[in-house]
C-alpha atoms as a PDB file:
ATOM      1  CA  MET A   1     -13.657  56.760  24.422  1.00  0.00           C
ATOM      2  CA  LEU A   2     -11.144  54.202  25.556  1.00  0.00           C
ATOM      3  CA  LYS A   3     -13.494  51.275  27.811  1.00  0.00           C
ATOM      4  CA  VAL A   4     -10.569  49.832  30.276  1.00  0.00           C
ATOM      5  CA  HIS A   5     -10.961  47.295  32.417  1.00  0.00           C
ATOM      6  CA  ARG A   6      -9.533  45.746  35.955  1.00  0.00           C
ATOM      7  CA  CYS A   7      -8.252  42.811  34.360  1.00  0.00           C
ATOM      8  CA  ALA A   8      -7.973  43.919  29.980  1.00  0.00           C
ATOM      9  CA  PHE A   9      -7.863  41.945  27.296  1.00  0.00           C
ATOM     10  CA  SER A  10      -8.230  37.909  28.330  1.00  0.00           C
ATOM     11  CA  PRO A  11      -8.123  35.997  25.482  1.00  0.00           C
ATOM     12  CA  GLU A  12      -9.424  33.179  25.119  1.00  0.00           C
ATOM     13  CA  LEU A  13      -7.264  30.446  25.000  1.00  0.00           C
ATOM     14  CA  SER A  14      -4.950  28.955  22.261  1.00  0.00           C
ATOM     15  CA  SER A  15      -6.745  26.976  19.951  1.00  0.00           C
ATOM     16  CA  THR A  16      -2.865  25.715  19.516  1.00  0.00           C
ATOM     17  CA  PRO A  17      -1.974  22.362  20.618  1.00  0.00           C
ATOM     18  CA  TYR A  18       0.401  22.979  23.681  1.00  0.00           C
ATOM     19  CA  GLY A  19       2.286  19.832  22.534  1.00  0.00           C
ATOM     20  CA  PHE A  20       3.243  21.287  19.705  1.00  0.00           C
ATOM     21  CA  TYR A  21       6.636  22.432  19.499  1.00  0.00           C
ATOM     22  CA  GLY A  22       6.561  23.920  15.732  1.00  0.00           C
ATOM     23  CA  PRO A  23       9.244  26.528  15.887  1.00  0.00           C
ATOM     24  CA  ILE A  24      12.367  24.045  16.310  1.00  0.00           C
ATOM     25  CA  LEU A  25      11.048  21.967  14.346  1.00  0.00           C
ATOM     26  CA  MET A  26      10.309  23.995  11.164  1.00  0.00           C
ATOM     27  CA  ASN A  27      12.465  27.316  11.928  1.00  0.00           C
ATOM     28  CA  LYS A  28      15.204  26.855  13.396  1.00  0.00           C
ATOM     29  CA  THR A  29      17.616  23.929  14.283  1.00  0.00           C
ATOM     30  CA  LEU A  30      18.208  24.511  18.768  1.00  0.00           C
ATOM     31  CA  ASP A  31      21.917  24.463  16.904  1.00  0.00           C
ATOM     32  CA  GLN A  32      20.880  27.619  15.164  1.00  0.00           C
ATOM     33  CA  ILE A  33      18.980  28.656  18.673  1.00  0.00           C
ATOM     34  CA  PHE A  34      21.636  28.687  20.414  1.00  0.00           C
ATOM     35  CA  PRO A  35      24.959  29.698  18.785  1.00  0.00           C
ATOM     36  CA  GLU A  36      27.231  30.027  21.120  1.00  0.00           C
ATOM     37  CA  ILE A  37      26.591  27.686  24.209  1.00  0.00           C
ATOM     38  CA  PRO A  38      28.506  27.599  27.132  1.00  0.00           C
ATOM     39  CA  ALA A  39      31.507  25.475  29.249  1.00  0.00           C
ATOM     40  CA  ASP A  40      28.804  24.213  31.455  1.00  0.00           C
ATOM     41  CA  ILE A  41      25.333  23.636  29.396  1.00  0.00           C
ATOM     42  CA  ASP A  42      25.258  20.363  28.060  1.00  0.00           C
ATOM     43  CA  ILE A  43      22.709  20.730  25.183  1.00  0.00           C
ATOM     44  CA  SER A  44      22.015  18.046  24.324  1.00  0.00           C
ATOM     45  CA  ALA A  45      20.223  17.520  27.205  1.00  0.00           C
ATOM     46  CA  LEU A  46      17.383  19.150  26.538  1.00  0.00           C
ATOM     47  CA  ASP A  47      14.387  17.968  26.019  1.00  0.00           C
ATOM     48  CA  VAL A  48      11.692  19.603  23.572  1.00  0.00           C
ATOM     49  CA  ASP A  49       9.277  16.867  24.154  1.00  0.00           C
ATOM     50  CA  ASN A  50       8.971  18.727  27.967  1.00  0.00           C
ATOM     51  CA  ILE A  51       9.299  22.776  26.851  1.00  0.00           C
ATOM     52  CA  PRO A  52       6.856  24.360  30.414  1.00  0.00           C
ATOM     53  CA  ARG A  53       4.325  25.582  28.269  1.00  0.00           C
ATOM     54  CA  HIS A  54       4.007  29.100  30.569  1.00  0.00           C
ATOM     55  CA  VAL A  55       6.692  29.974  32.228  1.00  0.00           C
ATOM     56  CA  ALA A  56       6.273  33.382  34.517  1.00  0.00           C
ATOM     57  CA  VAL A  57       9.232  36.138  34.823  1.00  0.00           C
ATOM     58  CA  ILE A  58      10.085  38.003  38.489  1.00  0.00           C
ATOM     59  CA  MET A  59      12.293  40.104  36.391  1.00  0.00           C
ATOM     60  CA  ASP A  60      14.406  41.779  39.569  1.00  0.00           C
ATOM     61  CA  GLY A  61      17.697  43.865  39.819  1.00  0.00           C
ATOM     62  CA  ASN A  62      17.562  46.565  36.945  1.00  0.00           C
ATOM     63  CA  GLY A  63      18.441  48.920  39.801  1.00  0.00           C
ATOM     64  CA  ARG A  64      21.360  46.716  40.854  1.00  0.00           C
ATOM     65  CA  TRP A  65      23.340  46.901  38.264  1.00  0.00           C
ATOM     66  CA  ALA A  66      22.139  50.622  37.408  1.00  0.00           C
ATOM     67  CA  LYS A  67      24.251  51.162  40.822  1.00  0.00           C
ATOM     68  CA  LYS A  68      27.371  48.723  39.771  1.00  0.00           C
ATOM     69  CA  ARG A  69      27.605  51.137  36.721  1.00  0.00           C
ATOM     70  CA  MET A  70      26.937  53.873  39.063  1.00  0.00           C
ATOM     71  CA  LEU A  71      23.925  54.984  36.466  1.00  0.00           C
ATOM     72  CA  ASN A  72      20.472  55.934  37.807  1.00  0.00           C
ATOM     73  CA  ARG A  73      17.748  53.386  38.752  1.00  0.00           C
ATOM     74  CA  LEU A  74      16.230  54.087  35.360  1.00  0.00           C
ATOM     75  CA  LYS A  75      18.568  53.687  32.611  1.00  0.00           C
ATOM     76  CA  GLY A  76      18.692  50.603  34.718  1.00  0.00           C
ATOM     77  CA  HIS A  77      14.878  48.982  33.391  1.00  0.00           C
ATOM     78  CA  LYS A  78      16.558  50.237  29.993  1.00  0.00           C
ATOM     79  CA  ALA A  79      18.982  48.104  30.163  1.00  0.00           C
ATOM     80  CA  GLY A  80      16.916  45.561  30.673  1.00  0.00           C
ATOM     81  CA  ILE A  81      14.354  45.617  27.502  1.00  0.00           C
ATOM     82  CA  GLU A  82      16.931  44.302  25.859  1.00  0.00           C
ATOM     83  CA  ALA A  83      16.561  41.009  28.569  1.00  0.00           C
ATOM     84  CA  VAL A  84      13.620  40.421  27.352  1.00  0.00           C
ATOM     85  CA  ARG A  85      13.384  40.933  23.874  1.00  0.00           C
ATOM     86  CA  GLU A  86      16.142  37.784  24.347  1.00  0.00           C
ATOM     87  CA  THR A  87      13.456  35.763  26.622  1.00  0.00           C
ATOM     88  CA  ILE A  88      11.225  36.749  24.312  1.00  0.00           C
ATOM     89  CA  ARG A  89      13.240  34.781  21.407  1.00  0.00           C
ATOM     90  CA  CYS A  90      14.273  31.651  22.304  1.00  0.00           C
ATOM     91  CA  ALA A  91      10.760  31.408  24.393  1.00  0.00           C
ATOM     92  CA  SER A  92       9.116  31.825  21.480  1.00  0.00           C
ATOM     93  CA  ASP A  93      12.065  29.534  19.446  1.00  0.00           C
ATOM     94  CA  ILE A  94      11.930  27.134  21.903  1.00  0.00           C
ATOM     95  CA  GLY A  95       8.111  26.310  22.330  1.00  0.00           C
ATOM     96  CA  VAL A  96       7.041  27.713  25.476  1.00  0.00           C
ATOM     97  CA  ARG A  97       3.342  28.896  24.778  1.00  0.00           C
ATOM     98  CA  TYR A  98       2.656  31.392  27.177  1.00  0.00           C
ATOM     99  CA  LEU A  99       5.289  34.371  28.604  1.00  0.00           C
ATOM    100  CA  THR A 100       4.859  36.395  31.991  1.00  0.00           C
ATOM    101  CA  ILE A 101       6.734  38.702  33.044  1.00  0.00           C
ATOM    102  CA  TYR A 102       6.440  41.079  36.288  1.00  0.00           C
ATOM    103  CA  SER A 103       6.818  44.686  35.198  1.00  0.00           C
ATOM    104  CA  PHE A 104       5.270  46.517  37.820  1.00  0.00           C
ATOM    105  CA  SER A 105       2.928  46.088  41.029  1.00  0.00           C
ATOM    106  CA  THR A 106       0.782  47.333  43.196  1.00  0.00           C
ATOM    107  CA  GLU A 107       4.045  47.939  46.186  1.00  0.00           C
ATOM    108  CA  ASN A 108       5.252  49.755  42.691  1.00  0.00           C
ATOM    109  CA  TRP A 109       4.260  52.773  42.913  1.00  0.00           C
ATOM    110  CA  LYS A 110       5.944  54.228  46.035  1.00  0.00           C
ATOM    111  CA  ARG A 111       8.808  53.973  44.401  1.00  0.00           C
ATOM    112  CA  PRO A 112      10.545  58.449  43.496  1.00  0.00           C
ATOM    113  CA  ALA A 113       8.130  60.216  41.500  1.00  0.00           C
ATOM    114  CA  ASP A 114      10.066  60.300  38.973  1.00  0.00           C
ATOM    115  CA  GLU A 115      11.589  56.505  38.800  1.00  0.00           C
ATOM    116  CA  VAL A 116       7.894  55.797  38.834  1.00  0.00           C
ATOM    117  CA  GLU A 117       7.051  58.765  35.705  1.00  0.00           C
ATOM    118  CA  GLY A 118      10.293  57.143  33.940  1.00  0.00           C
ATOM    119  CA  LEU A 119       8.648  54.274  34.284  1.00  0.00           C
ATOM    120  CA  MET A 120       5.493  54.717  32.808  1.00  0.00           C
ATOM    121  CA  ASP A 121       6.214  56.035  29.584  1.00  0.00           C
ATOM    122  CA  LEU A 122       9.297  53.579  29.157  1.00  0.00           C
ATOM    123  CA  PHE A 123       6.655  51.043  29.200  1.00  0.00           C
ATOM    124  CA  ALA A 124       4.734  52.970  26.813  1.00  0.00           C
ATOM    125  CA  LYS A 125       7.639  53.425  24.652  1.00  0.00           C
ATOM    126  CA  THR A 126       8.376  50.730  23.950  1.00  0.00           C
ATOM    127  CA  MET A 127       5.474  49.678  23.977  1.00  0.00           C
ATOM    128  CA  LEU A 128       4.963  51.105  20.565  1.00  0.00           C
ATOM    129  CA  ALA A 129       8.256  50.302  19.102  1.00  0.00           C
ATOM    130  CA  GLU A 130       8.239  46.434  19.705  1.00  0.00           C
ATOM    131  CA  VAL A 131       4.642  45.503  18.610  1.00  0.00           C
ATOM    132  CA  ASP A 132       4.745  44.986  15.350  1.00  0.00           C
ATOM    133  CA  GLU A 133       8.214  43.250  15.512  1.00  0.00           C
ATOM    134  CA  LEU A 134       6.074  41.912  17.909  1.00  0.00           C
ATOM    135  CA  HIS A 135       3.667  41.181  15.316  1.00  0.00           C
ATOM    136  CA  GLU A 136       5.751  39.837  12.696  1.00  0.00           C
ATOM    137  CA  GLU A 137       6.965  37.457  14.902  1.00  0.00           C
ATOM    138  CA  ASN A 138       3.419  35.614  15.415  1.00  0.00           C
ATOM    139  CA  VAL A 139       3.695  36.806  19.648  1.00  0.00           C
ATOM    140  CA  ARG A 140       0.120  37.491  20.837  1.00  0.00           C
ATOM    141  CA  VAL A 141       0.402  40.573  24.027  1.00  0.00           C
ATOM    142  CA  MET A 142      -2.525  40.409  26.916  1.00  0.00           C
ATOM    143  CA  THR A 143      -2.053  42.348  29.904  1.00  0.00           C
ATOM    144  CA  ILE A 144      -2.968  41.634  33.430  1.00  0.00           C
ATOM    145  CA  GLY A 145      -3.643  43.702  36.341  1.00  0.00           C
ATOM    146  CA  ASP A 146      -5.401  46.667  37.550  1.00  0.00           C
ATOM    147  CA  MET A 147      -4.635  49.823  33.839  1.00  0.00           C
ATOM    148  CA  SER A 148      -7.205  51.542  35.172  1.00  0.00           C
ATOM    149  CA  VAL A 149      -5.151  54.197  37.221  1.00  0.00           C
ATOM    150  CA  LEU A 150      -2.436  54.452  34.695  1.00  0.00           C
ATOM    151  CA  PRO A 151      -1.487  57.260  32.360  1.00  0.00           C
ATOM    152  CA  PHE A 152      -3.535  56.778  29.345  1.00  0.00           C
ATOM    153  CA  GLU A 153       0.113  56.981  27.527  1.00  0.00           C
ATOM    154  CA  THR A 154       1.434  53.641  28.671  1.00  0.00           C
ATOM    155  CA  ARG A 155      -2.733  52.045  28.516  1.00  0.00           C
ATOM    156  CA  ASP A 156      -3.101  53.268  25.309  1.00  0.00           C
ATOM    157  CA  ALA A 157       0.158  51.307  24.002  1.00  0.00           C
ATOM    158  CA  PHE A 158      -1.128  48.597  25.604  1.00  0.00           C
ATOM    159  CA  VAL A 159      -3.787  48.472  24.379  1.00  0.00           C
ATOM    160  CA  GLU A 160      -3.083  49.340  20.226  1.00  0.00           C
ATOM    161  CA  ALA A 161      -0.827  46.345  21.288  1.00  0.00           C
ATOM    162  CA  TRP A 162      -4.141  43.911  22.192  1.00  0.00           C
ATOM    163  CA  ASN A 163      -5.814  45.054  19.200  1.00  0.00           C
ATOM    164  CA  LYS A 164      -2.454  44.504  16.592  1.00  0.00           C
ATOM    165  CA  THR A 165      -1.504  41.548  17.945  1.00  0.00           C
ATOM    166  CA  LYS A 166      -4.684  39.029  19.783  1.00  0.00           C
ATOM    167  CA  ASP A 167      -5.661  36.690  16.891  1.00  0.00           C
ATOM    168  CA  ASN A 168      -1.599  35.991  16.404  1.00  0.00           C
ATOM    169  CA  THR A 169      -1.423  32.463  17.831  1.00  0.00           C
ATOM    170  CA  GLY A 170       2.534  32.339  18.458  1.00  0.00           C
ATOM    171  CA  LEU A 171       3.689  32.969  21.656  1.00  0.00           C
ATOM    172  CA  THR A 172       1.284  35.414  24.250  1.00  0.00           C
ATOM    173  CA  LEU A 173       3.488  38.071  26.101  1.00  0.00           C
ATOM    174  CA  VAL A 174       1.285  38.284  29.213  1.00  0.00           C
ATOM    175  CA  VAL A 175       2.892  41.427  30.179  1.00  0.00           C
ATOM    176  CA  ALA A 176       2.022  42.545  34.014  1.00  0.00           C
ATOM    177  CA  VAL A 177       1.659  46.006  35.165  1.00  0.00           C
ATOM    178  CA  ASN A 178       0.377  47.406  38.566  1.00  0.00           C
ATOM    179  CA  TYR A 179      -0.527  43.380  39.514  1.00  0.00           C
ATOM    180  CA  GLY A 180      -0.682  42.779  42.779  1.00  0.00           C
ATOM    181  CA  SER A 181      -1.744  39.303  43.064  1.00  0.00           C
ATOM    182  CA  ARG A 182      -3.854  39.588  46.926  1.00  0.00           C
ATOM    183  CA  ALA A 183      -6.036  42.293  44.819  1.00  0.00           C
ATOM    184  CA  GLU A 184      -6.421  40.285  41.796  1.00  0.00           C
ATOM    185  CA  ILE A 185      -7.914  37.322  44.483  1.00  0.00           C
ATOM    186  CA  VAL A 186     -10.056  39.907  46.137  1.00  0.00           C
ATOM    187  CA  HIS A 187     -11.253  41.557  42.706  1.00  0.00           C
ATOM    188  CA  ALA A 188     -12.187  37.662  42.451  1.00  0.00           C
ATOM    189  CA  VAL A 189     -13.596  36.925  44.777  1.00  0.00           C
ATOM    190  CA  ASP A 190     -15.454  40.490  44.954  1.00  0.00           C
ATOM    191  CA  GLU A 191     -17.225  39.587  41.348  1.00  0.00           C
ATOM    192  CA  LEU A 192     -17.898  35.625  42.866  1.00  0.00           C
ATOM    193  CA  ILE A 193     -20.369  37.495  45.590  1.00  0.00           C
ATOM    194  CA  ALA A 194     -21.618  40.151  43.825  1.00  0.00           C
ATOM    195  CA  GLU A 195     -23.037  36.951  40.695  1.00  0.00           C
ATOM    196  CA  LYS A 196     -24.300  35.140  43.822  1.00  0.00           C
ATOM    197  CA  PHE A 197     -25.987  37.974  44.600  1.00  0.00           C
ATOM    198  CA  SER A 198     -27.753  39.037  41.738  1.00  0.00           C
ATOM    199  CA  LEU A 199     -28.352  35.277  41.097  1.00  0.00           C
ATOM    200  CA  GLY A 200     -30.577  35.228  44.314  1.00  0.00           C
ATOM    201  CA  ASP A 201     -28.649  33.305  46.559  1.00  0.00           C
ATOM    202  CA  ALA A 202     -28.290  36.200  49.205  1.00  0.00           C
ATOM    203  CA  ASP A 203     -30.929  34.337  51.103  1.00  0.00           C
ATOM    204  CA  SER A 204     -28.949  31.003  51.106  1.00  0.00           C
ATOM    205  CA  SER A 205     -27.210  29.928  54.302  1.00  0.00           C
ATOM    206  CA  ASP A 206     -24.721  28.698  52.047  1.00  0.00           C
ATOM    207  CA  ILE A 207     -22.764  29.906  49.683  1.00  0.00           C
ATOM    208  CA  ALA A 208     -19.900  28.273  48.424  1.00  0.00           C
ATOM    209  CA  ILE A 209     -16.714  28.963  46.558  1.00  0.00           C
ATOM    210  CA  THR A 210     -15.357  27.072  45.121  1.00  0.00           C
ATOM    211  CA  GLU A 211     -11.437  27.281  43.278  1.00  0.00           C
ATOM    212  CA  GLU A 212     -12.755  26.203  40.093  1.00  0.00           C
ATOM    213  CA  ASP A 213     -14.838  29.796  40.779  1.00  0.00           C
ATOM    214  CA  ILE A 214     -12.222  31.527  41.777  1.00  0.00           C
ATOM    215  CA  ALA A 215      -9.805  30.359  38.955  1.00  0.00           C
ATOM    216  CA  SER A 216     -12.503  31.490  36.310  1.00  0.00           C
ATOM    217  CA  HIS A 217     -12.288  35.313  37.836  1.00  0.00           C
ATOM    218  CA  LEU A 218      -8.975  35.428  38.093  1.00  0.00           C
ATOM    219  CA  TYR A 219      -6.964  38.132  35.755  1.00  0.00           C
ATOM    220  CA  THR A 220      -5.495  34.486  34.669  1.00  0.00           C
ATOM    221  CA  ARG A 221      -8.268  33.076  33.995  1.00  0.00           C
ATOM    222  CA  THR A 222      -8.163  32.283  30.401  1.00  0.00           C
ATOM    223  CA  ILE A 223      -3.616  31.092  30.395  1.00  0.00           C
ATOM    224  CA  PRO A 224      -2.677  28.106  32.264  1.00  0.00           C
ATOM    225  CA  ASP A 225      -0.858  28.140  35.418  1.00  0.00           C
ATOM    226  CA  PRO A 226       2.426  28.367  35.159  1.00  0.00           C
ATOM    227  CA  GLU A 227       4.761  25.378  35.658  1.00  0.00           C
ATOM    228  CA  LEU A 228       8.559  27.074  35.829  1.00  0.00           C
ATOM    229  CA  LEU A 229       8.584  30.400  37.996  1.00  0.00           C
ATOM    230  CA  ILE A 230      11.959  31.990  37.567  1.00  0.00           C
ATOM    231  CA  ARG A 231      13.231  35.014  40.286  1.00  0.00           C
ATOM    232  CA  THR A 232      16.279  36.909  38.877  1.00  0.00           C
ATOM    233  CA  SER A 233      19.220  38.733  40.677  1.00  0.00           C
ATOM    234  CA  GLY A 234      19.533  36.044  43.928  1.00  0.00           C
ATOM    235  CA  GLU A 235      16.517  36.778  45.829  1.00  0.00           C
ATOM    236  CA  MET A 236      14.017  34.313  47.504  1.00  0.00           C
ATOM    237  CA  ARG A 237      10.600  36.040  47.557  1.00  0.00           C
ATOM    238  CA  VAL A 238       7.681  36.036  45.160  1.00  0.00           C
ATOM    239  CA  SER A 239       6.696  39.484  45.366  1.00  0.00           C
ATOM    240  CA  ASN A 240       2.948  39.238  45.383  1.00  0.00           C
ATOM    241  CA  PHE A 241       3.029  37.412  42.159  1.00  0.00           C
ATOM    242  CA  LEU A 242      -0.024  35.532  40.853  1.00  0.00           C
ATOM    243  CA  LEU A 243       0.200  33.643  44.350  1.00  0.00           C
ATOM    244  CA  TRP A 244      -2.950  31.553  43.807  1.00  0.00           C
ATOM    245  CA  GLN A 245      -1.305  30.392  39.862  1.00  0.00           C
ATOM    246  CA  ILE A 246       2.151  29.474  41.223  1.00  0.00           C
ATOM    247  CA  ALA A 247       0.628  27.199  44.093  1.00  0.00           C
ATOM    248  CA  TYR A 248       2.563  24.072  41.589  1.00  0.00           C
ATOM    249  CA  SER A 249       5.234  25.713  39.867  1.00  0.00           C
ATOM    250  CA  GLU A 250       8.473  24.668  40.116  1.00  0.00           C
ATOM    251  CA  PHE A 251      10.911  27.921  41.626  1.00  0.00           C
ATOM    252  CA  VAL A 252      14.604  28.916  39.239  1.00  0.00           C
ATOM    253  CA  CYS A 253      16.606  32.079  41.310  1.00  0.00           C
ATOM    254  CA  THR A 254      19.084  32.834  40.040  1.00  0.00           C
ATOM    255  CA  ASP A 255      22.187  35.461  40.973  1.00  0.00           C
ATOM    256  CA  VAL A 256      22.051  36.953  37.645  1.00  0.00           C
ATOM    257  CA  LEU A 257      21.222  40.818  37.683  1.00  0.00           C
ATOM    258  CA  TRP A 258      18.086  40.609  35.238  1.00  0.00           C
ATOM    259  CA  PRO A 259      19.719  43.272  32.562  1.00  0.00           C
ATOM    260  CA  ASP A 260      22.543  40.286  31.873  1.00  0.00           C
ATOM    261  CA  PHE A 261      19.664  37.866  31.906  1.00  0.00           C
ATOM    262  CA  ASP A 262      20.442  35.924  28.485  1.00  0.00           C
ATOM    263  CA  ARG A 263      18.488  32.858  26.629  1.00  0.00           C
ATOM    264  CA  TYR A 264      21.144  31.075  27.908  1.00  0.00           C
ATOM    265  CA  GLU A 265      20.378  31.775  31.333  1.00  0.00           C
ATOM    266  CA  LEU A 266      16.805  30.768  30.893  1.00  0.00           C
ATOM    267  CA  LEU A 267      18.168  27.773  29.069  1.00  0.00           C
ATOM    268  CA  ARG A 268      20.446  26.671  32.268  1.00  0.00           C
ATOM    269  CA  CYS A 269      16.393  27.746  34.092  1.00  0.00           C
ATOM    270  CA  ILE A 270      14.853  24.887  31.802  1.00  0.00           C
ATOM    271  CA  LEU A 271      17.038  22.413  32.138  1.00  0.00           C
ATOM    272  CA  ASP A 272      16.682  22.990  35.972  1.00  0.00           C
ATOM    273  CA  TYR A 273      12.977  22.324  35.538  1.00  0.00           C
ATOM    274  CA  GLN A 274      13.298  19.303  32.978  1.00  0.00           C
ATOM    275  CA  GLY A 275      15.959  17.298  36.204  1.00  0.00           C
ATOM    276  CA  ARG A 276      12.751  17.579  38.789  1.00  0.00           C
ATOM    277  CA  SER A 277      10.510  15.735  39.733  1.00  0.00           C
ATOM    278  CA  ARG A 278       7.024  17.013  40.043  1.00  0.00           C
ATOM    279  CA  ARG A 279       4.560  15.499  42.409  1.00  0.00           C
ATOM    280  CA  PHE A 280       1.770  17.896  43.039  1.00  0.00           C
ATOM    281  CA  GLY A 281       1.424  16.432  46.570  1.00  0.00           C
ATOM    282  CA  GLY A 282       1.350  12.666  45.646  1.00  0.00           C
ATOM    283  CA  VAL A 283       4.342  10.090  45.053  1.00  0.00           C
ATOM    284  CA  VAL A 284       5.906   9.200  41.791  1.00  0.00           C
END
């Protein structure tokens, strides 16, 4: 019987050095990755030694994209799949090590039942259809979130993807599904309290919990925090996404609706990121 955990598929950190940008140096040139550079982008400004190792994306705007075309919302979600493919390919090519995509939040269960059912079916079919190509591209697939309440077919598709790709050493694609950051933090604290009680610390007058303790019990405990958070469709909120992990992430919000997001929009976001000074509370 399939055993599903709240935090499914949590591999150890890859042993691949974070400073390694092999895809550019060994497989493709920037001209090959970006063959049709728009006039507003200066590709020479891209610093290949300063690519964020972890990019997180709040993929927003599928519904509005569909509405503009007088289509139902599920058509918008299906259109967004190509943007996911494009983003994975480009991120892998330029040397991003981790790409986290916000696919379904704990709040998304409030959506109409037919949309939720359609999304769950879409997740399963897309994952099964894409996993062989992802495997060939050396992409490792993992999930974060509470998988236990998902339909079996959806859980099974993600389990199959993890089992097939878990030994890959390229880009790690982190799919946040039934994910909510507040729930994640509560879950981490629950685990910590249970551990401390089991160790006999319950009688202590001071049961201290450190930041490191909490971080080590998050769904994302095996991956680094994102340097760059991208949100599409012009919205300016984080929507209960990686609240702990994005404490010092750089935010880039674009008006582009998710189905229209492509490698050039990702490049714009990374160039914006590279133009900033990351001080982490200090002074440069």
